[in-house]
């Protein structure tokens, strides 16, 4: 019961961040699931895979709720979305295959390295002109570039259990799209990415965990239910904040959040004795 309450609380935070930053909350969920599963005595080689699959399953809820709220503001880049989503689907399937062939320690190190890079870009990259102009015209990006970007987003996200917001938002911003449109589109793309990631987790983990132990493949069901319920309810609140706060403040909040998460992740890796 205590663990379920914690999952419900995490869902509140995840939902707000999903709406505010265009992320699914995987950067919170993954370390929490790693800790929870470790306490259960689950074989070490399965821990990170369970964390990734469970993260994707929960992200479906948070990103869907966030995307629905953003769509009311007509901020989603619907013209670019089909090409991004097709590429993302391909990238997730490719990434999922390699994830289940890769050791947990490598996956954890990749997770930390990517978070470090994201923190750097958020705090030290030059402010994009599109951030300053709310009604700036959308740039024209060719279909191959959009699909290729989607493959990159899906492939990398498979290794770190996130909805791709930490990749999608910086990528679209680099191409010249307004930050709030990047966040909205990232939420919608996260639904596609998380769905494929969760399905892959069920398939690859089908014969490696038991449903009687509250697992569906690699998905830990108590976390799936607990975090999923409250993340749906709180995502619209995060969306409201995203349209009221300055973009600079949103970037700073995102960076601080990632610093806390990656610090915890490094602590978990060291304490496990893997390095």
Protein backbone atom coordinates (compact mmCIF):
# COMPACT_ATOMS: atom_id res chain seq x y z
CA UNK A 1 0.00 0.00 0.00
CA UNK A 2 2.86 2.38 0.85
CA UNK A 3 4.51 1.74 -2.50
CA UNK A 4 1.26 2.39 -4.35
CA UNK A 5 0.93 5.75 -2.58
CA UNK A 6 4.47 6.62 -3.70
CA UNK A 7 3.62 5.68 -7.28
CA UNK A 8 0.51 7.90 -7.15
CA UNK A 9 2.64 10.80 -5.90
CA UNK A 10 5.23 10.23 -8.61
CA UNK A 11 2.39 10.29 -11.14
CA UNK A 12 1.44 13.80 -9.98
CA UNK A 13 4.97 15.07 -10.60
CA UNK A 14 5.26 13.16 -13.88
CA UNK A 15 1.99 14.60 -15.16
CA UNK A 16 2.95 18.20 -14.42
CA UNK A 17 6.36 17.76 -16.07
CA UNK A 18 4.78 16.09 -19.10
CA UNK A 19 2.56 19.08 -19.70
CA UNK A 20 5.16 21.71 -18.82
CA UNK A 21 8.20 20.31 -20.64
CA UNK A 22 6.81 17.94 -23.27
CA UNK A 23 8.43 14.92 -21.61
CA UNK A 24 6.80 11.71 -20.45
CA UNK A 25 8.58 11.59 -17.12
CA UNK A 26 10.85 8.66 -17.89
CA UNK A 27 13.80 10.45 -16.31
CA UNK A 28 11.93 10.22 -13.00
CA UNK A 29 10.28 6.85 -13.51
CA UNK A 30 13.38 4.89 -14.58
CA UNK A 31 15.44 5.53 -11.40
CA UNK A 32 12.38 4.90 -9.18
CA UNK A 33 11.62 1.57 -10.85
CA UNK A 34 15.28 0.56 -10.70
CA UNK A 35 15.25 1.13 -6.94
CA UNK A 36 11.91 -0.66 -6.44
CA UNK A 37 12.81 -3.72 -8.50
CA UNK A 38 16.24 -3.95 -6.90
CA UNK A 39 14.60 -4.22 -3.48
CA UNK A 40 12.56 -7.18 -4.77
CA UNK A 41 15.69 -9.17 -5.55
CA UNK A 42 15.02 -9.26 -9.30
CA UNK A 43 18.03 -10.57 -11.32
CA UNK A 44 20.36 -7.66 -12.07
CA UNK A 45 20.37 -8.29 -15.82
CA UNK A 46 16.61 -7.66 -15.96
CA UNK A 47 16.38 -4.55 -13.78
CA UNK A 48 17.09 -1.87 -16.38
CA UNK A 49 14.93 -3.60 -18.97
CA UNK A 50 12.00 -3.65 -16.51
CA UNK A 51 12.57 0.02 -15.73
CA UNK A 52 12.57 0.98 -19.42
CA UNK A 53 9.45 -1.02 -20.31
CA UNK A 54 7.51 0.19 -17.26
CA UNK A 55 8.53 3.76 -18.00
CA UNK A 56 7.19 3.51 -21.54
CA UNK A 57 3.89 2.00 -20.38
CA UNK A 58 3.27 4.88 -17.97
CA UNK A 59 4.40 7.51 -20.45
CA UNK A 60 1.51 6.55 -22.74
CA UNK A 61 -0.88 8.08 -20.21
CA UNK A 62 1.08 11.23 -19.34
CA UNK A 63 1.94 12.15 -22.93
CA UNK A 64 -1.58 11.45 -24.22
CA UNK A 65 -3.10 13.72 -21.59
CA UNK A 66 -0.48 16.38 -22.25
CA UNK A 67 -0.92 16.18 -26.04
CA UNK A 68 -4.70 16.51 -25.73
CA UNK A 69 -4.32 19.67 -23.66
CA UNK A 70 -1.72 21.14 -26.03
CA UNK A 71 -3.96 20.41 -29.04
CA UNK A 72 -6.52 22.83 -27.61
CA UNK A 73 -3.92 25.58 -28.08
CA UNK A 74 -3.33 24.41 -31.69
CA UNK A 75 0.39 24.12 -30.96
CA UNK A 76 1.08 20.64 -32.40
CA UNK A 77 2.99 20.61 -35.70
CA UNK A 78 0.53 18.37 -37.52
CA UNK A 79 2.14 18.85 -40.96
CA UNK A 80 5.48 17.55 -39.70
CA UNK A 81 4.13 14.97 -37.25
CA UNK A 82 3.39 12.08 -39.69
CA UNK A 83 6.97 12.00 -40.97
CA UNK A 84 8.43 12.32 -37.48
CA UNK A 85 6.19 9.53 -36.17
CA UNK A 86 7.01 7.06 -38.97
CA UNK A 87 10.72 7.59 -38.34
CA UNK A 88 10.20 7.26 -34.60
CA UNK A 89 8.42 3.91 -34.96
CA UNK A 90 11.32 2.56 -37.02
CA UNK A 91 13.82 3.93 -34.52
CA UNK A 92 12.05 2.38 -31.51
CA UNK A 93 11.90 -1.08 -33.09
CA UNK A 94 15.59 -0.90 -33.98
CA UNK A 95 16.53 0.44 -30.56
CA UNK A 96 14.41 -2.10 -28.68
CA UNK A 97 16.21 -4.94 -30.41
CA UNK A 98 19.62 -3.61 -29.35
CA UNK A 99 18.41 -2.78 -25.83
CA UNK A 100 17.62 -6.42 -25.13
CA UNK A 101 21.06 -7.41 -26.41
CA UNK A 102 22.86 -4.86 -24.22
CA UNK A 103 23.99 -5.19 -20.59
CA UNK A 104 22.28 -3.14 -17.89
CA UNK A 105 25.38 -1.21 -16.88
CA UNK A 106 25.90 0.03 -20.44
CA UNK A 107 22.26 1.13 -20.62
CA UNK A 108 22.61 3.02 -17.33
CA UNK A 109 25.80 4.77 -18.45
CA UNK A 110 24.14 5.77 -21.74
CA UNK A 111 21.23 7.17 -19.75
CA UNK A 112 23.52 9.33 -17.61
CA UNK A 113 25.64 10.55 -20.53
CA UNK A 114 22.61 11.64 -22.48
CA UNK A 115 21.13 13.45 -19.50
CA UNK A 116 24.44 15.28 -19.05
CA UNK A 117 24.40 16.41 -22.68
CA UNK A 118 20.81 17.59 -22.39
CA UNK A 119 21.59 19.61 -19.26
CA UNK A 120 24.48 21.30 -21.06
CA UNK A 121 22.37 22.28 -24.08
CA UNK A 122 19.60 23.66 -21.87
CA UNK A 123 21.89 25.83 -19.75
CA UNK A 124 24.58 26.92 -22.21
CA UNK A 125 23.18 26.82 -25.75
CA UNK A 126 22.37 30.14 -27.37
CA UNK A 127 18.77 31.21 -27.15
CA UNK A 128 16.93 30.50 -30.39
CA UNK A 129 15.26 33.38 -32.21
CA UNK A 130 12.05 31.35 -32.34
CA UNK A 131 11.89 31.45 -28.54
CA UNK A 132 11.60 35.22 -28.62
CA UNK A 133 8.93 35.40 -31.31
CA UNK A 134 5.74 33.55 -30.41
CA UNK A 135 4.18 33.83 -33.88
CA UNK A 136 7.30 33.13 -35.92
CA UNK A 137 6.62 31.23 -39.16
CA UNK A 138 7.44 27.54 -39.05
CA UNK A 139 10.57 26.61 -41.01
CA UNK A 140 10.32 24.24 -43.96
CA UNK A 141 12.04 20.94 -43.20
CA UNK A 142 12.19 18.25 -45.88
CA UNK A 143 10.40 14.93 -45.36
CA UNK A 144 13.63 12.84 -45.32
CA UNK A 145 15.09 15.07 -42.59
CA UNK A 146 11.91 14.82 -40.53
CA UNK A 147 11.80 11.03 -40.84
CA UNK A 148 15.51 10.75 -40.15
CA UNK A 149 15.08 12.89 -37.06
CA UNK A 150 12.27 10.59 -35.96
CA UNK A 151 14.50 7.52 -36.33
CA UNK A 152 17.13 9.21 -34.17
CA UNK A 153 14.55 10.17 -31.52
CA UNK A 154 13.08 6.66 -31.37
CA UNK A 155 16.41 4.85 -31.35
CA UNK A 156 17.97 6.91 -28.54
CA UNK A 157 14.77 6.94 -26.49
CA UNK A 158 14.69 3.14 -26.52
CA UNK A 159 17.95 3.09 -24.56
CA UNK A 160 16.88 5.55 -21.86
CA UNK A 161 13.16 4.86 -21.40
CA UNK A 162 11.86 8.36 -22.12
CA UNK A 163 9.15 9.75 -24.39
CA UNK A 164 11.77 11.57 -26.42
CA UNK A 165 11.05 15.06 -25.12
CA UNK A 166 14.66 15.57 -24.05
CA UNK A 167 15.63 14.83 -27.66
CA UNK A 168 12.63 16.09 -29.66
CA UNK A 169 12.44 19.56 -28.09
CA UNK A 170 16.14 20.45 -28.65
CA UNK A 171 16.06 18.95 -32.17
CA UNK A 172 12.97 20.85 -33.32
CA UNK A 173 14.28 24.02 -31.65
CA UNK A 174 17.54 23.65 -33.59
CA UNK A 175 15.52 23.46 -36.80
CA UNK A 176 13.88 26.77 -35.88
CA UNK A 177 10.47 25.85 -34.47
CA UNK A 178 9.00 27.81 -31.57
CA UNK A 179 9.74 26.16 -28.22
CA UNK A 180 6.09 25.80 -27.18
CA UNK A 181 5.30 24.10 -30.49
CA UNK A 182 8.28 21.81 -29.91
CA UNK A 183 6.92 20.86 -26.48
CA UNK A 184 3.41 20.23 -27.82
CA UNK A 185 4.64 18.11 -30.74
CA UNK A 186 6.99 16.22 -28.44
CA UNK A 187 4.01 15.21 -26.28
CA UNK A 188 2.12 13.82 -29.27
CA UNK A 189 5.20 12.00 -30.57
CA UNK A 190 5.71 10.58 -27.10
CA UNK A 191 2.40 8.71 -27.33
CA UNK A 192 3.61 6.86 -30.43
CA UNK A 193 7.07 6.20 -29.03
CA UNK A 194 5.85 4.99 -25.64
CA UNK A 195 3.23 2.67 -27.12
CA UNK A 196 5.79 0.89 -29.30
CA UNK A 197 8.29 0.78 -26.43
CA UNK A 198 5.73 -0.75 -24.04
CA UNK A 199 4.64 -3.38 -26.57
CA UNK A 200 8.28 -4.32 -27.16
CA UNK A 201 8.77 -4.64 -23.39
CA UNK A 202 5.85 -7.06 -23.15
CA UNK A 203 7.07 -9.16 -26.07
CA UNK A 204 10.73 -9.39 -25.03
CA UNK A 205 9.90 -10.01 -21.39
CA UNK A 206 7.00 -12.42 -21.84
CA UNK A 207 8.79 -15.56 -20.65
CA UNK A 208 11.19 -13.85 -18.23
CA UNK A 209 8.77 -12.59 -15.54
CA UNK A 210 5.59 -13.93 -13.96
CA UNK A 211 2.16 -12.25 -14.03
CA UNK A 212 1.62 -13.60 -10.50
CA UNK A 213 4.47 -11.31 -9.38
CA UNK A 214 2.62 -8.31 -10.85
CA UNK A 215 4.50 -8.25 -14.13
CA UNK A 216 3.26 -8.21 -17.71
CA UNK A 217 6.38 -9.01 -19.66
CA UNK A 218 8.87 -6.42 -18.40
CA UNK A 219 6.11 -4.04 -17.24
CA UNK A 220 5.72 -3.70 -13.46
CA UNK A 221 1.94 -3.38 -13.11
CA UNK A 222 1.66 -1.53 -9.73
CA UNK A 223 3.77 1.31 -11.14
CA UNK A 224 1.88 1.20 -14.44
CA UNK A 225 -1.46 1.69 -12.65
CA UNK A 226 -0.38 4.03 -9.84
CA UNK A 227 1.72 6.47 -11.85
CA UNK A 228 -0.59 6.28 -14.86
CA UNK A 229 -3.73 7.36 -12.97
CA UNK A 230 -2.38 10.57 -11.45
CA UNK A 231 -0.16 11.53 -14.40
CA UNK A 232 -3.28 11.79 -16.59
CA UNK A 233 -4.99 14.04 -14.04
CA UNK A 234 -2.02 16.39 -13.53
CA UNK A 235 -0.72 16.76 -17.11
CA UNK A 236 -3.26 19.52 -17.98
CA UNK A 237 -1.94 21.54 -15.03
CA UNK A 238 1.57 21.40 -16.49
CA UNK A 239 0.24 22.53 -19.87
CA UNK A 240 -1.31 25.61 -18.25
CA UNK A 241 2.05 26.48 -16.70
CA UNK A 242 3.83 26.05 -20.04
CA UNK A 243 1.76 28.83 -21.62
CA UNK A 244 2.26 31.22 -18.69
CA UNK A 245 5.95 30.81 -17.84
CA UNK A 246 8.72 32.39 -19.97
CA UNK A 247 10.62 29.91 -22.16
CA UNK A 248 13.87 30.71 -20.33
CA UNK A 249 12.31 29.70 -17.02
CA UNK A 250 10.97 26.46 -18.54
CA UNK A 251 14.46 25.57 -19.78
CA UNK A 252 15.97 26.27 -16.35
CA UNK A 253 13.34 24.15 -14.59
CA UNK A 254 14.02 21.31 -17.01
CA UNK A 255 17.79 21.55 -16.43
CA UNK A 256 17.52 21.54 -12.63
CA UNK A 257 15.14 18.58 -12.80
CA UNK A 258 17.59 16.60 -14.95
CA UNK A 259 20.54 17.42 -12.67
CA UNK A 260 18.69 15.91 -9.71
CA UNK A 261 17.71 12.82 -11.69
CA UNK A 262 21.14 12.08 -13.15
CA UNK A 263 22.75 12.57 -9.72
CA UNK A 264 20.42 9.94 -8.30
CA UNK A 265 21.09 7.64 -11.23
CA UNK A 266 24.87 7.87 -10.76
CA UNK A 267 24.42 7.10 -7.07
CA UNK A 268 22.39 3.97 -7.92
CA UNK A 269 25.06 2.76 -10.36
CA UNK A 270 27.88 3.27 -7.86
CA UNK A 271 25.98 1.75 -4.94
CA UNK A 272 25.15 -1.35 -6.99
CA UNK A 273 28.86 -2.06 -7.29
CA UNK A 274 28.67 -2.23 -11.09
CA UNK A 275 31.58 0.16 -11.44
